[in-house]
Amino acid sequence: MSDEADAILIAEIRDAASRVKSYIAPEGREGFMCQTLVYDAVCMNLLRTGECARFLSDAVKTRLPDIPWPDIVSLRNRVAHSYETLKPEVLWLIASVSLPQLDAALRSLGEA
């Protein structure tokens, strides 16, 4: 995969993280749990994140070995194919903790 393709995928993941942050920040945990529009929007962007992560080159993934790349792709598959089995509490932790960590790690690639 080319550096340009990786850059596009990284930008997409970072955009998804930014959107999730903007959706959950005003509403907080309670809003996320109670408002289906926020919940659905977060799920869609987690799906986007996993889809992009699936196509990132091994070169990028190797530079960030602490990121659980298979888990990110697996979450994409669960959101896409097993939506009714998702646990809101787990998704909240991913959206509020794990996704910002991923965003920071990807941002660090641009600074290196």
N, C-alpha and C. Protein backbone atom coordinates (compact mmCIF):
# COMPACT_ATOMS: atom_id res chain seq x y z
N MET A 1 0.85 -1.17 0.00
CA MET A 1 0.00 0.00 0.00
C MET A 1 0.89 1.24 0.00
N SER A 2 0.44 2.25 -0.67
CA SER A 2 1.24 3.47 -0.77
C SER A 2 1.10 4.33 0.47
N ASP A 3 2.08 5.20 0.63
CA ASP A 3 2.01 6.16 1.74
C ASP A 3 0.78 7.05 1.60
N GLU A 4 0.43 7.37 0.37
CA GLU A 4 -0.75 8.22 0.13
C GLU A 4 -2.03 7.51 0.57
N ALA A 5 -2.14 6.24 0.26
CA ALA A 5 -3.32 5.47 0.67
C ALA A 5 -3.40 5.39 2.19
N ASP A 6 -2.26 5.14 2.83
CA ASP A 6 -2.23 5.12 4.30
C ASP A 6 -2.64 6.47 4.87
N ALA A 7 -2.15 7.54 4.28
CA ALA A 7 -2.48 8.88 4.77
C ALA A 7 -3.98 9.14 4.68
N ILE A 8 -4.60 8.68 3.61
CA ILE A 8 -6.06 8.85 3.46
C ILE A 8 -6.79 8.04 4.53
N LEU A 9 -6.37 6.81 4.74
CA LEU A 9 -7.02 5.96 5.75
C LEU A 9 -6.84 6.53 7.15
N ILE A 10 -5.65 7.01 7.45
CA ILE A 10 -5.40 7.62 8.76
C ILE A 10 -6.27 8.85 8.94
N ALA A 11 -6.38 9.66 7.91
CA ALA A 11 -7.24 10.85 7.99
C ALA A 11 -8.70 10.46 8.23
N GLU A 12 -9.14 9.39 7.60
CA GLU A 12 -10.52 8.91 7.81
C GLU A 12 -10.74 8.45 9.25
N ILE A 13 -9.78 7.71 9.78
CA ILE A 13 -9.90 7.24 11.16
C ILE A 13 -9.91 8.43 12.12
N ARG A 14 -9.04 9.38 11.87
CA ARG A 14 -8.98 10.56 12.75
C ARG A 14 -10.26 11.38 12.63
N ASP A 15 -10.83 11.45 11.44
CA ASP A 15 -12.11 12.16 11.27
C ASP A 15 -13.21 11.45 12.05
N ALA A 16 -13.24 10.13 11.97
CA ALA A 16 -14.24 9.36 12.72
C ALA A 16 -14.09 9.61 14.22
N ALA A 17 -12.85 9.62 14.70
CA ALA A 17 -12.61 9.87 16.13
C ALA A 17 -13.08 11.27 16.53
N SER A 18 -12.82 12.23 15.67
CA SER A 18 -13.25 13.60 15.94
C SER A 18 -14.77 13.70 15.99
N ARG A 19 -15.42 13.03 15.06
CA ARG A 19 -16.89 13.04 15.05
C ARG A 19 -17.45 12.41 16.32
N VAL A 20 -16.90 11.26 16.69
CA VAL A 20 -17.37 10.59 17.91
C VAL A 20 -17.21 11.51 19.11
N LYS A 21 -16.06 12.14 19.20
CA LYS A 21 -15.83 13.07 20.32
C LYS A 21 -16.88 14.17 20.33
N SER A 22 -17.20 14.70 19.16
CA SER A 22 -18.19 15.78 19.10
C SER A 22 -19.60 15.29 19.44
N TYR A 23 -19.87 14.03 19.17
CA TYR A 23 -21.20 13.48 19.48
C TYR A 23 -21.36 13.21 20.98
N ILE A 24 -20.30 12.70 21.61
CA ILE A 24 -20.46 12.28 23.00
C ILE A 24 -20.12 13.38 24.01
N ALA A 25 -19.32 14.36 23.61
CA ALA A 25 -18.90 15.39 24.56
C ALA A 25 -20.08 16.14 25.17
N PRO A 26 -21.04 16.63 24.37
CA PRO A 26 -22.13 17.40 24.98
C PRO A 26 -23.10 16.53 25.77
N GLU A 27 -23.22 15.28 25.39
CA GLU A 27 -24.22 14.41 25.98
C GLU A 27 -23.69 13.59 27.15
N GLY A 28 -22.40 13.30 27.15
CA GLY A 28 -21.82 12.47 28.20
C GLY A 28 -22.32 11.04 28.13
N ARG A 29 -21.96 10.28 29.13
CA ARG A 29 -22.31 8.85 29.16
C ARG A 29 -23.82 8.65 29.14
N GLU A 30 -24.53 9.42 29.93
CA GLU A 30 -25.99 9.25 30.01
C GLU A 30 -26.65 9.51 28.66
N GLY A 31 -26.23 10.56 27.99
CA GLY A 31 -26.78 10.86 26.67
C GLY A 31 -26.48 9.76 25.66
N PHE A 32 -25.27 9.24 25.75
CA PHE A 32 -24.89 8.16 24.86
C PHE A 32 -25.79 6.94 25.07
N MET A 33 -26.05 6.62 26.33
CA MET A 33 -26.85 5.45 26.65
C MET A 33 -28.33 5.63 26.29
N CYS A 34 -28.81 6.85 26.35
CA CYS A 34 -30.26 7.08 26.20
C CYS A 34 -30.68 7.60 24.84
N GLN A 35 -29.77 8.21 24.11
CA GLN A 35 -30.16 8.83 22.84
C GLN A 35 -29.71 7.95 21.68
N THR A 36 -30.68 7.34 21.03
CA THR A 36 -30.35 6.41 19.95
C THR A 36 -29.63 7.09 18.79
N LEU A 37 -29.91 8.35 18.55
CA LEU A 37 -29.24 9.05 17.46
C LEU A 37 -27.73 9.14 17.73
N VAL A 38 -27.36 9.48 18.95
CA VAL A 38 -25.95 9.56 19.33
C VAL A 38 -25.32 8.17 19.28
N TYR A 39 -25.99 7.19 19.85
CA TYR A 39 -25.51 5.81 19.86
C TYR A 39 -25.27 5.32 18.43
N ASP A 40 -26.25 5.52 17.57
CA ASP A 40 -26.12 5.06 16.18
C ASP A 40 -24.99 5.78 15.44
N ALA A 41 -24.85 7.08 15.68
CA ALA A 41 -23.79 7.84 15.03
C ALA A 41 -22.41 7.35 15.48
N VAL A 42 -22.28 7.06 16.76
CA VAL A 42 -21.02 6.54 17.27
C VAL A 42 -20.73 5.17 16.64
N CYS A 43 -21.73 4.32 16.59
CA CYS A 43 -21.54 2.99 15.99
C CYS A 43 -21.10 3.10 14.54
N MET A 44 -21.70 4.00 13.79
CA MET A 44 -21.32 4.16 12.38
C MET A 44 -19.85 4.57 12.26
N ASN A 45 -19.40 5.43 13.14
CA ASN A 45 -18.01 5.88 13.05
C ASN A 45 -17.04 4.84 13.59
N LEU A 46 -17.47 3.99 14.49
CA LEU A 46 -16.64 2.85 14.89
C LEU A 46 -16.52 1.87 13.74
N LEU A 47 -17.58 1.70 12.99
CA LEU A 47 -17.55 0.86 11.80
C LEU A 47 -16.57 1.44 10.78
N ARG A 48 -16.64 2.75 10.55
CA ARG A 48 -15.70 3.43 9.64
C ARG A 48 -14.26 3.19 10.07
N THR A 49 -14.02 3.31 11.37
CA THR A 49 -12.68 3.14 11.91
C THR A 49 -12.15 1.74 11.61
N GLY A 50 -12.96 0.75 11.87
CA GLY A 50 -12.54 -0.63 11.62
C GLY A 50 -12.33 -0.92 10.15
N GLU A 51 -13.19 -0.35 9.32
CA GLU A 51 -13.04 -0.56 7.87
C GLU A 51 -11.73 0.03 7.38
N CYS A 52 -11.39 1.21 7.83
CA CYS A 52 -10.13 1.83 7.43
C CYS A 52 -8.93 1.08 8.02
N ALA A 53 -9.04 0.67 9.27
CA ALA A 53 -7.94 -0.06 9.91
C ALA A 53 -7.64 -1.35 9.16
N ARG A 54 -8.67 -1.95 8.63
CA ARG A 54 -8.51 -3.21 7.90
C ARG A 54 -7.58 -3.05 6.70
N PHE A 55 -7.58 -1.86 6.10
CA PHE A 55 -6.80 -1.64 4.89
C PHE A 55 -5.48 -0.91 5.10
N LEU A 56 -5.19 -0.53 6.34
CA LEU A 56 -3.89 0.10 6.60
C LEU A 56 -2.76 -0.88 6.31
N SER A 57 -1.67 -0.36 5.85
CA SER A 57 -0.52 -1.22 5.54
C SER A 57 0.10 -1.78 6.82
N ASP A 58 0.79 -2.88 6.66
CA ASP A 58 1.52 -3.46 7.79
C ASP A 58 2.59 -2.51 8.29
N ALA A 59 3.11 -1.67 7.41
CA ALA A 59 4.14 -0.71 7.83
C ALA A 59 3.60 0.25 8.89
N VAL A 60 2.38 0.71 8.70
CA VAL A 60 1.76 1.61 9.69
C VAL A 60 1.47 0.83 10.97
N LYS A 61 0.89 -0.33 10.83
CA LYS A 61 0.53 -1.13 12.01
C LYS A 61 1.76 -1.51 12.83
N THR A 62 2.86 -1.78 12.16
CA THR A 62 4.10 -2.14 12.84
C THR A 62 4.66 -0.97 13.64
N ARG A 63 4.44 0.24 13.14
CA ARG A 63 4.93 1.43 13.85
C ARG A 63 4.12 1.71 15.11
N LEU A 64 2.95 1.11 15.21
CA LEU A 64 2.08 1.30 16.38
C LEU A 64 1.70 -0.07 16.95
N PRO A 65 2.68 -0.80 17.49
CA PRO A 65 2.43 -2.18 17.92
C PRO A 65 1.48 -2.30 19.13
N ASP A 66 1.31 -1.22 19.88
CA ASP A 66 0.43 -1.29 21.05
C ASP A 66 -1.05 -1.13 20.71
N ILE A 67 -1.34 -0.79 19.47
CA ILE A 67 -2.73 -0.65 19.04
C ILE A 67 -3.27 -2.04 18.71
N PRO A 68 -4.42 -2.41 19.25
CA PRO A 68 -4.99 -3.74 18.99
C PRO A 68 -5.73 -3.78 17.64
N TRP A 69 -4.97 -3.76 16.56
CA TRP A 69 -5.56 -3.69 15.22
C TRP A 69 -6.59 -4.78 14.95
N PRO A 70 -6.32 -6.04 15.30
CA PRO A 70 -7.35 -7.08 15.04
C PRO A 70 -8.65 -6.81 15.80
N ASP A 71 -8.55 -6.26 17.00
CA ASP A 71 -9.75 -5.95 17.78
C ASP A 71 -10.56 -4.83 17.14
N ILE A 72 -9.87 -3.87 16.54
CA ILE A 72 -10.56 -2.75 15.88
C ILE A 72 -11.35 -3.28 14.68
N VAL A 73 -10.74 -4.15 13.91
CA VAL A 73 -11.42 -4.74 12.76
C VAL A 73 -12.56 -5.65 13.23
N SER A 74 -12.32 -6.40 14.28
CA SER A 74 -13.36 -7.28 14.83
C SER A 74 -14.57 -6.48 15.30
N LEU A 75 -14.32 -5.33 15.92
CA LEU A 75 -15.44 -4.48 16.35
C LEU A 75 -16.23 -4.01 15.14
N ARG A 76 -15.55 -3.66 14.07
CA ARG A 76 -16.24 -3.27 12.84
C ARG A 76 -17.19 -4.37 12.40
N ASN A 77 -16.72 -5.60 12.45
CA ASN A 77 -17.55 -6.73 12.02
C ASN A 77 -18.74 -6.93 12.94
N ARG A 78 -18.54 -6.74 14.23
CA ARG A 78 -19.66 -6.87 15.18
C ARG A 78 -20.69 -5.78 14.97
N VAL A 79 -20.24 -4.56 14.75
CA VAL A 79 -21.18 -3.46 14.50
C VAL A 79 -21.96 -3.74 13.22
N ALA A 80 -21.28 -4.22 12.20
CA ALA A 80 -21.93 -4.46 10.91
C ALA A 80 -22.86 -5.67 10.91
N HIS A 81 -22.48 -6.73 11.61
CA HIS A 81 -23.19 -8.00 11.46
C HIS A 81 -23.91 -8.49 12.71
N SER A 82 -23.60 -7.93 13.85
CA SER A 82 -24.23 -8.39 15.10
C SER A 82 -24.64 -7.19 15.95
N TYR A 83 -25.20 -6.20 15.30
CA TYR A 83 -25.53 -4.93 15.95
C TYR A 83 -26.36 -5.13 17.22
N GLU A 84 -27.30 -6.06 17.17
CA GLU A 84 -28.20 -6.26 18.31
C GLU A 84 -27.51 -6.85 19.53
N THR A 85 -26.31 -7.37 19.37
CA THR A 85 -25.60 -7.96 20.52
C THR A 85 -24.59 -7.01 21.15
N LEU A 86 -24.46 -5.82 20.61
CA LEU A 86 -23.49 -4.86 21.15
C LEU A 86 -23.89 -4.42 22.54
N LYS A 87 -22.90 -4.21 23.38
CA LYS A 87 -23.13 -3.76 24.75
C LYS A 87 -22.82 -2.26 24.83
N PRO A 88 -23.83 -1.45 25.13
CA PRO A 88 -23.60 0.01 25.17
C PRO A 88 -22.48 0.42 26.12
N GLU A 89 -22.33 -0.27 27.25
CA GLU A 89 -21.29 0.09 28.21
C GLU A 89 -19.89 -0.08 27.60
N VAL A 90 -19.73 -1.16 26.84
CA VAL A 90 -18.45 -1.42 26.19
C VAL A 90 -18.20 -0.38 25.10
N LEU A 91 -19.22 -0.09 24.32
CA LEU A 91 -19.07 0.91 23.26
C LEU A 91 -18.74 2.28 23.84
N TRP A 92 -19.33 2.60 24.99
CA TRP A 92 -19.01 3.88 25.63
C TRP A 92 -17.52 3.95 25.98
N LEU A 93 -16.98 2.88 26.54
CA LEU A 93 -15.55 2.86 26.89
C LEU A 93 -14.68 2.98 25.65
N ILE A 94 -15.07 2.30 24.59
CA ILE A 94 -14.31 2.40 23.35
C ILE A 94 -14.35 3.83 22.82
N ALA A 95 -15.55 4.41 22.79
CA ALA A 95 -15.72 5.76 22.25
C ALA A 95 -15.04 6.83 23.09
N SER A 96 -15.07 6.66 24.40
CA SER A 96 -14.57 7.71 25.29
C SER A 96 -13.12 7.53 25.72
N VAL A 97 -12.59 6.31 25.59
CA VAL A 97 -11.21 6.05 26.03
C VAL A 97 -10.34 5.52 24.88
N SER A 98 -10.74 4.40 24.30
CA SER A 98 -9.90 3.74 23.30
C SER A 98 -9.76 4.53 22.01
N LEU A 99 -10.85 5.10 21.52
CA LEU A 99 -10.78 5.84 20.27
C LEU A 99 -9.91 7.10 20.40
N PRO A 100 -10.03 7.87 21.48
CA PRO A 100 -9.09 9.00 21.64
C PRO A 100 -7.63 8.55 21.72
N GLN A 101 -7.38 7.39 22.32
CA GLN A 101 -6.01 6.87 22.38
C GLN A 101 -5.51 6.52 20.98
N LEU A 102 -6.37 5.91 20.18
CA LEU A 102 -6.01 5.59 18.79
C LEU A 102 -5.72 6.87 18.02
N ASP A 103 -6.57 7.87 18.19
CA ASP A 103 -6.38 9.15 17.51
C ASP A 103 -5.03 9.76 17.89
N ALA A 104 -4.70 9.75 19.16
CA ALA A 104 -3.42 10.30 19.61
C ALA A 104 -2.24 9.53 19.02
N ALA A 105 -2.36 8.22 18.96
CA ALA A 105 -1.29 7.41 18.38
C ALA A 105 -1.10 7.73 16.90
N LEU A 106 -2.20 7.86 16.18
CA LEU A 106 -2.11 8.18 14.75
C LEU A 106 -1.57 9.60 14.55
N ARG A 107 -1.95 10.51 15.42
CA ARG A 107 -1.42 11.88 15.34
C ARG A 107 0.09 11.86 15.54
N SER A 108 0.57 11.00 16.43
CA SER A 108 2.02 10.93 16.70
C SER A 108 2.80 10.47 15.47
N LEU A 109 2.17 9.71 14.59
CA LEU A 109 2.85 9.30 13.36
C LEU A 109 3.20 10.52 12.51
N GLY A 110 2.28 11.47 12.47
CA GLY A 110 2.52 12.67 11.68
C GLY A 110 3.57 13.58 12.28
N GLU A 111 3.80 13.43 13.58
CA GLU A 111 4.78 14.27 14.27
C GLU A 111 6.16 13.65 14.26
N ALA A 112 6.23 12.37 13.91
CA ALA A 112 7.52 11.66 13.93
C ALA A 112 8.35 11.95 12.70
